[in-house]
C-alpha atoms as a PDB file:
ATOM      1  CA  UNK A   1       4.358   7.743 -10.620  1.00  0.00           C
ATOM      2  CA  UNK A   2       2.104  10.421  -9.134  1.00  0.00           C
ATOM      3  CA  UNK A   3      -0.586   8.930  -6.902  1.00  0.00           C
ATOM      4  CA  UNK A   4      -4.190   9.048  -8.074  1.00  0.00           C
ATOM      5  CA  UNK A   5      -5.865  10.747  -5.120  1.00  0.00           C
ATOM      6  CA  UNK A   6      -9.213   9.270  -6.106  1.00  0.00           C
ATOM      7  CA  UNK A   7      -7.985   5.756  -5.294  1.00  0.00           C
ATOM      8  CA  UNK A   8      -8.261   4.842  -1.624  1.00  0.00           C
ATOM      9  CA  UNK A   9      -7.065   1.221  -1.668  1.00  0.00           C
ATOM     10  CA  UNK A  10      -4.355  -0.521  -3.682  1.00  0.00           C
ATOM     11  CA  UNK A  11      -3.999  -4.289  -3.356  1.00  0.00           C
ATOM     12  CA  UNK A  12      -0.519  -5.432  -4.397  1.00  0.00           C
ATOM     13  CA  UNK A  13      -0.135  -9.143  -5.155  1.00  0.00           C
ATOM     14  CA  UNK A  14       3.336 -10.500  -6.059  1.00  0.00           C
ATOM     15  CA  UNK A  15       3.306 -13.918  -7.690  1.00  0.00           C
ATOM     16  CA  UNK A  16       5.441 -16.578  -9.309  1.00  0.00           C
ATOM     17  CA  UNK A  17       3.891 -19.494 -11.201  1.00  0.00           C
ATOM     18  CA  UNK A  18       0.406 -19.314  -9.670  1.00  0.00           C
ATOM     19  CA  UNK A  19      -1.642 -19.876 -12.839  1.00  0.00           C
ATOM     20  CA  UNK A  20      -4.176 -22.242 -11.237  1.00  0.00           C
ATOM     21  CA  UNK A  21      -4.845 -19.915  -8.281  1.00  0.00           C
ATOM     22  CA  UNK A  22      -5.371 -16.587 -10.026  1.00  0.00           C
ATOM     23  CA  UNK A  23      -8.985 -16.902 -11.172  1.00  0.00           C
ATOM     24  CA  UNK A  24     -10.040 -18.241  -7.785  1.00  0.00           C
ATOM     25  CA  UNK A  25      -8.253 -15.377  -6.042  1.00  0.00           C
ATOM     26  CA  UNK A  26      -9.904 -12.795  -8.283  1.00  0.00           C
ATOM     27  CA  UNK A  27     -13.356 -14.296  -7.663  1.00  0.00           C
ATOM     28  CA  UNK A  28     -12.838 -14.105  -3.890  1.00  0.00           C
ATOM     29  CA  UNK A  29     -11.170 -10.699  -3.874  1.00  0.00           C
ATOM     30  CA  UNK A  30     -13.619  -8.855  -6.154  1.00  0.00           C
ATOM     31  CA  UNK A  31     -16.753  -9.026  -3.956  1.00  0.00           C
ATOM     32  CA  UNK A  32     -14.774  -8.056  -0.827  1.00  0.00           C
ATOM     33  CA  UNK A  33     -13.366  -4.931  -2.479  1.00  0.00           C
ATOM     34  CA  UNK A  34     -16.698  -4.019  -4.054  1.00  0.00           C
ATOM     35  CA  UNK A  35     -18.406  -4.238  -0.660  1.00  0.00           C
ATOM     36  CA  UNK A  36     -15.924  -1.749   0.816  1.00  0.00           C
ATOM     37  CA  UNK A  37     -17.506   0.916  -1.361  1.00  0.00           C
ATOM     38  CA  UNK A  38     -14.290   2.847  -2.011  1.00  0.00           C
ATOM     39  CA  UNK A  39     -12.226   3.366  -5.175  1.00  0.00           C
ATOM     40  CA  UNK A  40      -9.631   0.613  -5.469  1.00  0.00           C
ATOM     41  CA  UNK A  41      -7.124  -1.037  -7.759  1.00  0.00           C
ATOM     42  CA  UNK A  42      -5.554  -4.497  -7.806  1.00  0.00           C
ATOM     43  CA  UNK A  43      -1.927  -4.682  -8.935  1.00  0.00           C
ATOM     44  CA  UNK A  44      -0.570  -8.107  -9.834  1.00  0.00           C
ATOM     45  CA  UNK A  45       3.219  -8.234 -10.121  1.00  0.00           C
ATOM     46  CA  UNK A  46       4.298 -11.273 -12.140  1.00  0.00           C
ATOM     47  CA  UNK A  47       7.813 -12.071 -10.940  1.00  0.00           C
ATOM     48  CA  UNK A  48       8.932 -13.910 -14.098  1.00  0.00           C
ATOM     49  CA  UNK A  49       6.354 -16.716 -14.167  1.00  0.00           C
ATOM     50  CA  UNK A  50       6.857 -19.478 -16.740  1.00  0.00           C
ATOM     51  CA  UNK A  51       3.572 -21.390 -16.323  1.00  0.00           C
ATOM     52  CA  UNK A  52       1.246 -19.054 -18.219  1.00  0.00           C
ATOM     53  CA  UNK A  53       0.269 -16.900 -15.238  1.00  0.00           C
ATOM     54  CA  UNK A  54       0.669 -13.710 -17.253  1.00  0.00           C
ATOM     55  CA  UNK A  55      -1.873 -14.849 -19.846  1.00  0.00           C
ATOM     56  CA  UNK A  56      -4.436 -15.363 -17.072  1.00  0.00           C
ATOM     57  CA  UNK A  57      -3.632 -11.921 -15.670  1.00  0.00           C
ATOM     58  CA  UNK A  58      -3.987 -10.400 -19.122  1.00  0.00           C
ATOM     59  CA  UNK A  59      -7.500 -11.791 -19.382  1.00  0.00           C
ATOM     60  CA  UNK A  60      -8.405 -10.465 -15.923  1.00  0.00           C
ATOM     61  CA  UNK A  61      -7.126  -7.020 -16.908  1.00  0.00           C
ATOM     62  CA  UNK A  62      -9.307  -6.924 -20.021  1.00  0.00           C
ATOM     63  CA  UNK A  63     -12.354  -8.028 -17.999  1.00  0.00           C
ATOM     64  CA  UNK A  64     -11.847  -5.563 -15.130  1.00  0.00           C
ATOM     65  CA  UNK A  65     -10.404  -2.067 -15.496  1.00  0.00           C
ATOM     66  CA  UNK A  66      -9.466  -2.086 -11.787  1.00  0.00           C
ATOM     67  CA  UNK A  67      -6.931  -4.842 -12.436  1.00  0.00           C
ATOM     68  CA  UNK A  68      -3.412  -3.748 -13.353  1.00  0.00           C
ATOM     69  CA  UNK A  69      -0.583  -6.117 -14.258  1.00  0.00           C
ATOM     70  CA  UNK A  70       3.189  -5.716 -14.109  1.00  0.00           C
ATOM     71  CA  UNK A  71       5.389  -8.409 -15.644  1.00  0.00           C
ATOM     72  CA  UNK A  72       9.103  -8.807 -14.904  1.00  0.00           C
ATOM     73  CA  UNK A  73      11.388 -10.134 -17.633  1.00  0.00           C
ATOM     74  CA  UNK A  74      12.753 -12.700 -15.182  1.00  0.00           C
ATOM     75  CA  UNK A  75      12.449 -13.737 -11.561  1.00  0.00           C
ATOM     76  CA  UNK A  76      13.857 -10.986  -9.328  1.00  0.00           C
ATOM     77  CA  UNK A  77      12.377 -12.119  -6.006  1.00  0.00           C
ATOM     78  CA  UNK A  78       9.432 -11.152  -3.806  1.00  0.00           C
ATOM     79  CA  UNK A  79      11.121  -8.048  -2.388  1.00  0.00           C
ATOM     80  CA  UNK A  80      11.620  -6.632  -5.884  1.00  0.00           C
ATOM     81  CA  UNK A  81       8.008  -7.424  -6.801  1.00  0.00           C
ATOM     82  CA  UNK A  82       6.728  -5.664  -3.694  1.00  0.00           C
ATOM     83  CA  UNK A  83       8.989  -2.665  -4.267  1.00  0.00           C
ATOM     84  CA  UNK A  84       7.666  -2.287  -7.821  1.00  0.00           C
ATOM     85  CA  UNK A  85       4.095  -2.723  -6.631  1.00  0.00           C
ATOM     86  CA  UNK A  86       4.576  -0.031  -3.980  1.00  0.00           C
ATOM     87  CA  UNK A  87       6.042   2.279  -6.609  1.00  0.00           C
ATOM     88  CA  UNK A  88       3.095   1.806  -8.982  1.00  0.00           C
ATOM     89  CA  UNK A  89       0.344   1.876  -6.348  1.00  0.00           C
ATOM     90  CA  UNK A  90      -1.933   4.944  -6.276  1.00  0.00           C
ATOM     91  CA  UNK A  91      -3.943   4.233  -3.130  1.00  0.00           C
ATOM     92  CA  UNK A  92      -3.708   6.018   0.192  1.00  0.00           C
ATOM     93  CA  UNK A  93      -3.707   2.580   1.804  1.00  0.00           C
ATOM     94  CA  UNK A  94      -1.843  -0.385   0.344  1.00  0.00           C
ATOM     95  CA  UNK A  95      -2.663  -4.001   1.151  1.00  0.00           C
ATOM     96  CA  UNK A  96      -0.333  -6.830   0.188  1.00  0.00           C
ATOM     97  CA  UNK A  97      -1.268 -10.492  -0.050  1.00  0.00           C
ATOM     98  CA  UNK A  98       0.043 -13.681  -1.633  1.00  0.00           C
ATOM     99  CA  UNK A  99      -1.515 -15.209  -4.731  1.00  0.00           C
ATOM    100  CA  UNK A 100      -1.598 -18.824  -3.497  1.00  0.00           C
ATOM    101  CA  UNK A 101      -5.137 -18.598  -2.014  1.00  0.00           C
ATOM    102  CA  UNK A 102      -3.782 -19.185   1.487  1.00  0.00           C
ATOM    103  CA  UNK A 103      -4.435 -15.557   2.463  1.00  0.00           C
ATOM    104  CA  UNK A 104      -8.157 -14.861   2.840  1.00  0.00           C
ATOM    105  CA  UNK A 105      -9.373 -11.637   1.136  1.00  0.00           C
ATOM    106  CA  UNK A 106     -12.252 -11.491   3.643  1.00  0.00           C
ATOM    107  CA  UNK A 107      -9.715 -10.376   6.263  1.00  0.00           C
ATOM    108  CA  UNK A 108      -8.893  -7.151   4.399  1.00  0.00           C
ATOM    109  CA  UNK A 109     -11.651  -5.084   6.100  1.00  0.00           C
ATOM    110  CA  UNK A 110     -10.234  -6.110   9.480  1.00  0.00           C
ATOM    111  CA  UNK A 111      -6.805  -4.730   8.506  1.00  0.00           C
ATOM    112  CA  UNK A 112      -8.316  -1.521   7.143  1.00  0.00           C
ATOM    113  CA  UNK A 113     -10.259  -1.001  10.373  1.00  0.00           C
ATOM    114  CA  UNK A 114      -6.980  -0.969  12.324  1.00  0.00           C
ATOM    115  CA  UNK A 115      -5.504   1.497   9.843  1.00  0.00           C
ATOM    116  CA  UNK A 116      -8.515   3.756  10.421  1.00  0.00           C
ATOM    117  CA  UNK A 117      -7.837   3.509  14.169  1.00  0.00           C
ATOM    118  CA  UNK A 118      -4.491   5.224  13.631  1.00  0.00           C
ATOM    119  CA  UNK A 119      -1.989   2.443  12.989  1.00  0.00           C
ATOM    120  CA  UNK A 120       0.453   2.851  10.107  1.00  0.00           C
ATOM    121  CA  UNK A 121       1.218  -0.800   9.383  1.00  0.00           C
ATOM    122  CA  UNK A 122      -1.014  -3.730  10.296  1.00  0.00           C
ATOM    123  CA  UNK A 123       0.434  -7.211   9.902  1.00  0.00           C
ATOM    124  CA  UNK A 124      -1.590 -10.394   9.669  1.00  0.00           C
ATOM    125  CA  UNK A 125      -0.973 -13.296  12.032  1.00  0.00           C
ATOM    126  CA  UNK A 126      -1.771 -16.638  10.423  1.00  0.00           C
ATOM    127  CA  UNK A 127      -3.712 -18.087  13.347  1.00  0.00           C
ATOM    128  CA  UNK A 128      -4.227 -21.834  13.011  1.00  0.00           C
ATOM    129  CA  UNK A 129      -1.705 -21.928  10.213  1.00  0.00           C
ATOM    130  CA  UNK A 130      -2.522 -24.498   7.520  1.00  0.00           C
ATOM    131  CA  UNK A 131       0.991 -25.536   6.548  1.00  0.00           C
ATOM    132  CA  UNK A 132       2.974 -28.760   7.077  1.00  0.00           C
ATOM    133  CA  UNK A 133       4.738 -29.209  10.424  1.00  0.00           C
ATOM    134  CA  UNK A 134       8.100 -29.080   8.625  1.00  0.00           C
ATOM    135  CA  UNK A 135       7.283 -25.501   7.657  1.00  0.00           C
ATOM    136  CA  UNK A 136       5.534 -24.371  10.840  1.00  0.00           C
ATOM    137  CA  UNK A 137       8.275 -25.315  13.324  1.00  0.00           C
ATOM    138  CA  UNK A 138      11.187 -23.477  11.612  1.00  0.00           C
ATOM    139  CA  UNK A 139       8.882 -20.501  11.031  1.00  0.00           C
ATOM    140  CA  UNK A 140       7.929 -20.380  14.706  1.00  0.00           C
ATOM    141  CA  UNK A 141      11.595 -20.414  15.733  1.00  0.00           C
ATOM    142  CA  UNK A 142      12.385 -17.746  13.166  1.00  0.00           C
ATOM    143  CA  UNK A 143       9.581 -15.458  14.373  1.00  0.00           C
ATOM    144  CA  UNK A 144      10.545 -15.914  18.021  1.00  0.00           C
ATOM    145  CA  UNK A 145      14.201 -15.071  17.410  1.00  0.00           C
ATOM    146  CA  UNK A 146      13.263 -12.073  15.260  1.00  0.00           C
ATOM    147  CA  UNK A 147      10.919 -10.757  17.952  1.00  0.00           C
ATOM    148  CA  UNK A 148      13.606 -11.128  20.635  1.00  0.00           C
ATOM    149  CA  UNK A 149      16.320  -9.451  18.569  1.00  0.00           C
ATOM    150  CA  UNK A 150      14.200  -6.559  17.321  1.00  0.00           C
ATOM    151  CA  UNK A 151      12.015  -5.999  20.380  1.00  0.00           C
ATOM    152  CA  UNK A 152       8.831  -6.015  18.266  1.00  0.00           C
ATOM    153  CA  UNK A 153       6.041  -8.191  19.670  1.00  0.00           C
ATOM    154  CA  UNK A 154       4.800  -9.724  16.426  1.00  0.00           C
ATOM    155  CA  UNK A 155       4.017 -13.426  16.064  1.00  0.00           C
ATOM    156  CA  UNK A 156       4.212 -13.721  12.264  1.00  0.00           C
ATOM    157  CA  UNK A 157       6.690 -11.421  10.523  1.00  0.00           C
ATOM    158  CA  UNK A 158       6.434 -13.214   7.193  1.00  0.00           C
ATOM    159  CA  UNK A 159       2.655 -13.154   6.744  1.00  0.00           C
ATOM    160  CA  UNK A 160       1.962 -11.843   3.247  1.00  0.00           C
ATOM    161  CA  UNK A 161      -1.283 -10.160   4.302  1.00  0.00           C
ATOM    162  CA  UNK A 162      -0.433  -6.642   5.506  1.00  0.00           C
ATOM    163  CA  UNK A 163      -1.875  -3.143   5.274  1.00  0.00           C
ATOM    164  CA  UNK A 164       0.231   0.013   5.017  1.00  0.00           C
ATOM    165  CA  UNK A 165      -0.384   3.700   4.905  1.00  0.00           C
ATOM    166  CA  UNK A 166       1.104   5.029   1.687  1.00  0.00           C
ATOM    167  CA  UNK A 167       3.801   7.035   3.478  1.00  0.00           C
ATOM    168  CA  UNK A 168       5.174   3.844   5.034  1.00  0.00           C
ATOM    169  CA  UNK A 169       5.832   2.259   1.640  1.00  0.00           C
ATOM    170  CA  UNK A 170       7.427   5.490   0.449  1.00  0.00           C
ATOM    171  CA  UNK A 171       9.688   5.736   3.490  1.00  0.00           C
ATOM    172  CA  UNK A 172      11.170   2.233   3.662  1.00  0.00           C
ATOM    173  CA  UNK A 173      13.383   0.626   1.053  1.00  0.00           C
ATOM    174  CA  UNK A 174      12.637  -2.977   0.107  1.00  0.00           C
ATOM    175  CA  UNK A 175      15.451  -4.974  -1.501  1.00  0.00           C
ATOM    176  CA  UNK A 176      17.176  -8.341  -1.293  1.00  0.00           C
ATOM    177  CA  UNK A 177      15.094 -10.479   1.069  1.00  0.00           C
ATOM    178  CA  UNK A 178      14.128  -7.700   3.467  1.00  0.00           C
ATOM    179  CA  UNK A 179      10.405  -8.003   2.710  1.00  0.00           C
ATOM    180  CA  UNK A 180      10.202 -10.274   5.759  1.00  0.00           C
ATOM    181  CA  UNK A 181      11.239  -7.380   7.967  1.00  0.00           C
ATOM    182  CA  UNK A 182       9.022  -4.557   6.728  1.00  0.00           C
ATOM    183  CA  UNK A 183       7.383  -4.222  10.178  1.00  0.00           C
ATOM    184  CA  UNK A 184      10.859  -3.905  11.726  1.00  0.00           C
ATOM    185  CA  UNK A 185      12.001  -1.270   9.244  1.00  0.00           C
ATOM    186  CA  UNK A 186       8.765   0.676   9.690  1.00  0.00           C
ATOM    187  CA  UNK A 187       8.903   0.433  13.491  1.00  0.00           C
ATOM    188  CA  UNK A 188      12.423   1.861  13.611  1.00  0.00           C
ATOM    189  CA  UNK A 189      11.262   4.770  11.452  1.00  0.00           C
ATOM    190  CA  UNK A 190       8.733   5.603  14.158  1.00  0.00           C
ATOM    191  CA  UNK A 191       5.554   4.192  12.611  1.00  0.00           C
ATOM    192  CA  UNK A 192       2.824   2.561  14.707  1.00  0.00           C
ATOM    193  CA  UNK A 193       2.693  -1.205  14.180  1.00  0.00           C
ATOM    194  CA  UNK A 194      -0.164  -3.574  14.968  1.00  0.00           C
ATOM    195  CA  UNK A 195      -0.995  -7.233  14.370  1.00  0.00           C
ATOM    196  CA  UNK A 196      -4.329  -8.998  13.884  1.00  0.00           C
ATOM    197  CA  UNK A 197      -5.225 -12.672  13.636  1.00  0.00           C
ATOM    198  CA  UNK A 198      -6.241 -13.721  10.129  1.00  0.00           C
ATOM    199  CA  UNK A 199      -7.582 -16.911   8.586  1.00  0.00           C
ATOM    200  CA  UNK A 200      -5.149 -19.140   6.735  1.00  0.00           C
ATOM    201  CA  UNK A 201      -6.019 -21.807   4.186  1.00  0.00           C
ATOM    202  CA  UNK A 202      -4.073 -24.835   2.942  1.00  0.00           C
ATOM    203  CA  UNK A 203      -2.454 -24.558  -0.481  1.00  0.00           C
ATOM    204  CA  UNK A 204      -4.572 -26.269  -3.138  1.00  0.00           C
ATOM    205  CA  UNK A 205      -2.515 -25.751  -6.291  1.00  0.00           C
ATOM    206  CA  UNK A 206       1.146 -25.252  -7.059  1.00  0.00           C
ATOM    207  CA  UNK A 207       4.189 -25.591  -4.836  1.00  0.00           C
ATOM    208  CA  UNK A 208       5.544 -23.370  -2.110  1.00  0.00           C
ATOM    209  CA  UNK A 209       8.419 -21.131  -3.163  1.00  0.00           C
ATOM    210  CA  UNK A 210      10.107 -21.367   0.232  1.00  0.00           C
ATOM    211  CA  UNK A 211      12.476 -24.100   1.359  1.00  0.00           C
ATOM    212  CA  UNK A 212      15.151 -24.628   3.995  1.00  0.00           C
ATOM    213  CA  UNK A 213      17.387 -22.087   2.252  1.00  0.00           C
ATOM    214  CA  UNK A 214      14.812 -19.409   3.010  1.00  0.00           C
ATOM    215  CA  UNK A 215      15.269 -19.727   6.759  1.00  0.00           C
ATOM    216  CA  UNK A 216      19.057 -19.607   6.536  1.00  0.00           C
ATOM    217  CA  UNK A 217      18.989 -16.476   4.393  1.00  0.00           C
ATOM    218  CA  UNK A 218      16.307 -15.109   6.701  1.00  0.00           C
ATOM    219  CA  UNK A 219      18.646 -15.127   9.691  1.00  0.00           C
ATOM    220  CA  UNK A 220      21.391 -13.436   7.664  1.00  0.00           C
ATOM    221  CA  UNK A 221      18.857 -10.769   6.714  1.00  0.00           C
ATOM    222  CA  UNK A 222      17.925 -10.436  10.381  1.00  0.00           C
ATOM    223  CA  UNK A 223      21.523  -9.466  11.138  1.00  0.00           C
ATOM    224  CA  UNK A 224      21.379  -6.971   8.282  1.00  0.00           C
ATOM    225  CA  UNK A 225      18.158  -5.417   9.589  1.00  0.00           C
ATOM    226  CA  UNK A 226      19.515  -5.269  13.141  1.00  0.00           C
ATOM    227  CA  UNK A 227      22.578  -3.433  11.875  1.00  0.00           C
ATOM    228  CA  UNK A 228      20.497  -1.075   9.713  1.00  0.00           C
ATOM    229  CA  UNK A 229      18.041  -0.198  12.468  1.00  0.00           C
ATOM    230  CA  UNK A 230      19.954  -0.281  15.743  1.00  0.00           C
ATOM    231  CA  UNK A 231      23.566   0.402  14.849  1.00  0.00           C
ATOM    232  CA  UNK A 232      23.601   2.325  11.563  1.00  0.00           C
ATOM    233  CA  UNK A 233      24.279   5.608  13.374  1.00  0.00           C
ATOM    234  CA  UNK A 234      26.440   4.165  16.172  1.00  0.00           C
ATOM    235  CA  UNK A 235      28.464   1.180  14.853  1.00  0.00           C
ATOM    236  CA  UNK A 236      31.003   1.569  17.656  1.00  0.00           C
ATOM    237  CA  UNK A 237      28.324   0.422  20.120  1.00  0.00           C
ATOM    238  CA  UNK A 238      28.242  -2.940  18.355  1.00  0.00           C
ATOM    239  CA  UNK A 239      31.844  -3.493  17.286  1.00  0.00           C
ATOM    240  CA  UNK A 240      33.254  -1.745  20.341  1.00  0.00           C
ATOM    241  CA  UNK A 241      31.259  -3.934  22.718  1.00  0.00           C
ATOM    242  CA  UNK A 242      32.287  -7.097  20.891  1.00  0.00           C
ATOM    243  CA  UNK A 243      35.899  -5.949  20.706  1.00  0.00           C
ATOM    244  CA  UNK A 244      35.987  -5.073  24.402  1.00  0.00           C
ATOM    245  CA  UNK A 245      34.510  -8.441  25.406  1.00  0.00           C
ATOM    246  CA  UNK A 246      36.956 -10.407  23.242  1.00  0.00           C
ATOM    247  CA  UNK A 247      39.908  -8.324  24.445  1.00  0.00           C
ATOM    248  CA  UNK A 248      38.998  -8.894  28.103  1.00  0.00           C
ATOM    249  CA  UNK A 249      38.838 -12.664  27.578  1.00  0.00           C
ATOM    250  CA  UNK A 250      42.238 -12.617  25.871  1.00  0.00           C
ATOM    251  CA  UNK A 251      43.672 -10.398  28.599  1.00  0.00           C
ATOM    252  CA  UNK A 252      42.450 -12.735  31.361  1.00  0.00           C
ATOM    253  CA  UNK A 253      43.996 -15.724  29.572  1.00  0.00           C
ATOM    254  CA  UNK A 254      47.321 -13.937  29.220  1.00  0.00           C
ATOM    255  CA  UNK A 255      47.265 -12.816  32.878  1.00  0.00           C
ATOM    256  CA  UNK A 256      46.745 -16.436  33.906  1.00  0.00           C
ATOM    257  CA  UNK A 257      49.709 -17.535  31.782  1.00  0.00           C
ATOM    258  CA  UNK A 258      51.830 -14.688  33.203  1.00  0.00           C
ATOM    259  CA  UNK A 259      50.994 -15.938  36.720  1.00  0.00           C
ATOM    260  CA  UNK A 260      52.097 -19.447  35.770  1.00  0.00           C
ATOM    261  CA  UNK A 261      55.350 -18.075  34.339  1.00  0.00           C
ATOM    262  CA  UNK A 262      56.112 -16.105  37.510  1.00  0.00           C
ATOM    263  CA  UNK A 263      54.986 -18.871  39.879  1.00  0.00           C
ATOM    264  CA  UNK A 264      56.512 -21.937  38.213  1.00  0.00           C
ATOM    265  CA  UNK A 265      59.074 -20.484  35.823  1.00  0.00           C
ATOM    266  CA  UNK A 266      57.185 -21.658  32.725  1.00  0.00           C
ATOM    267  CA  UNK A 267      53.666 -21.688  31.314  1.00  0.00           C
ATOM    268  CA  UNK A 268      53.539 -25.483  31.779  1.00  0.00           C
ATOM    269  CA  UNK A 269      53.197 -26.228  28.048  1.00  0.00           C
ATOM    270  CA  UNK A 270      50.016 -24.142  27.677  1.00  0.00           C
ATOM    271  CA  UNK A 271      51.214 -22.908  24.288  1.00  0.00           C
ATOM    272  CA  UNK A 272      47.828 -23.301  22.528  1.00  0.00           C
ATOM    273  CA  UNK A 273      46.255 -21.226  25.320  1.00  0.00           C
ATOM    274  CA  UNK A 274      48.955 -18.574  24.831  1.00  0.00           C
ATOM    275  CA  UNK A 275      48.158 -18.457  21.115  1.00  0.00           C
ATOM    276  CA  UNK A 276      44.436 -18.130  21.872  1.00  0.00           C
ATOM    277  CA  UNK A 277      45.024 -15.274  24.333  1.00  0.00           C
ATOM    278  CA  UNK A 278      47.142 -13.303  21.867  1.00  0.00           C
ATOM    279  CA  UNK A 279      44.682 -13.994  19.027  1.00  0.00           C
ATOM    280  CA  UNK A 280      41.695 -12.781  21.062  1.00  0.00           C
ATOM    281  CA  UNK A 281      43.439  -9.552  22.040  1.00  0.00           C
ATOM    282  CA  UNK A 282      44.390  -8.853  18.418  1.00  0.00           C
ATOM    283  CA  UNK A 283      40.836  -9.647  17.282  1.00  0.00           C
ATOM    284  CA  UNK A 284      39.445  -7.319  19.943  1.00  0.00           C
ATOM    285  CA  UNK A 285      41.624  -4.446  18.740  1.00  0.00           C
ATOM    286  CA  UNK A 286      40.515  -5.110  15.146  1.00  0.00           C
ATOM    287  CA  UNK A 287      36.829  -5.090  16.081  1.00  0.00           C
ATOM    288  CA  UNK A 288      37.262  -1.860  18.021  1.00  0.00           C
ATOM    289  CA  UNK A 289      39.065  -0.334  15.023  1.00  0.00           C
ATOM    290  CA  UNK A 290      36.209  -1.403  12.727  1.00  0.00           C
ATOM    291  CA  UNK A 291      33.784   0.357  15.067  1.00  0.00           C
ATOM    292  CA  UNK A 292      35.829   3.572  14.935  1.00  0.00           C
ATOM    293  CA  UNK A 293      35.952   3.446  11.124  1.00  0.00           C
ATOM    294  CA  UNK A 294      32.206   2.830  11.069  1.00  0.00           C
ATOM    295  CA  UNK A 295      31.695   5.899  13.268  1.00  0.00           C
ATOM    296  CA  UNK A 296      33.743   8.016  10.858  1.00  0.00           C
ATOM    297  CA  UNK A 297      31.691   6.810   7.889  1.00  0.00           C
ATOM    298  CA  UNK A 298      28.460   7.365   9.820  1.00  0.00           C
ATOM    299  CA  UNK A 299      29.559  10.894  10.713  1.00  0.00           C
ATOM    300  CA  UNK A 300      30.280  11.679   7.052  1.00  0.00           C
ATOM    301  CA  UNK A 301      26.778  10.626   5.994  1.00  0.00           C
ATOM    302  CA  UNK A 302      24.922  12.468   8.767  1.00  0.00           C
ATOM    303  CA  UNK A 303      24.445  15.489   6.520  1.00  0.00           C
ATOM    304  CA  UNK A 304      22.732  13.290   3.916  1.00  0.00           C
ATOM    305  CA  UNK A 305      20.585  11.354   6.345  1.00  0.00           C
ATOM    306  CA  UNK A 306      16.819  11.532   5.872  1.00  0.00           C
ATOM    307  CA  UNK A 307      14.389  11.259   8.752  1.00  0.00           C
ATOM    308  CA  UNK A 308      10.783  10.146   8.733  1.00  0.00           C
ATOM    309  CA  UNK A 309       8.671  13.297   9.095  1.00  0.00           C
ATOM    310  CA  UNK A 310       5.051  12.873  10.177  1.00  0.00           C
ATOM    311  CA  UNK A 311       3.814  16.446   9.645  1.00  0.00           C
ATOM    312  CA  UNK A 312       5.062  19.827   8.508  1.00  0.00           C
ATOM    313  CA  UNK A 313       3.590  23.104   9.683  1.00  0.00           C
ATOM    314  CA  UNK A 314       4.916  26.260   8.044  1.00  0.00           C
END
């Protein structure tokens, strides 16, 4: 849809079965947005709730013309809800937050202040996180590994409270489970990223939608993001390096066995080691070949590639 240039701020809130939290969230969010003194809209994206959340949202919409509601026919996931919210949003700045009352709406002005300072994406950092230890420890490991692999110094990649300039949400594609890595995708497009500490509250109603499966899928998505950001235009750098390393190991093993054959007349029953050496060399050649094929595919799509343009002067 065409953006409404009169709207400065869009607040996008994806949700799934948060009926008991919605009125409380609206009561906290409304005064904060009104105090900002700028035109705004609140977009709730109901990701296939079955607990009556949509009926509550319907009532909020009829009470407040600034409240818009999108309802999915079934549960498509948080990434899909965010993508639809970004598509429908009219504001020049878009803030996302969760509907479980753990994100504090009072922190929104702090995010907007950083946007006004020139940052393109400002991510919240749940400081003094109010979640069980069983959730905090895996999350801390996940964030540390993500920071190391991507080179982005952010403490809390998965915080739902974030602020974006509109062009950021238009530039990056959100699908699958990649909503966790929006700062990574934006950073590799050249946008300025920042992080601020935000308050975090314990969940009062409902159940968390994230379990152990989330962290496993999160690491798979991390590999996907790493490939999409660092190696999409040069796959040979990844597969070639791996292939070369594996080939060298196999070559060293086979040289050792060749020495034994020349020195003692046999390989001294190291047949499993011989099999491993041959296997590693074959695997190395295959990885290198995959890198070359990836380079050919990448070269074919270079003419269609789009780059993130900050300004145009004609």
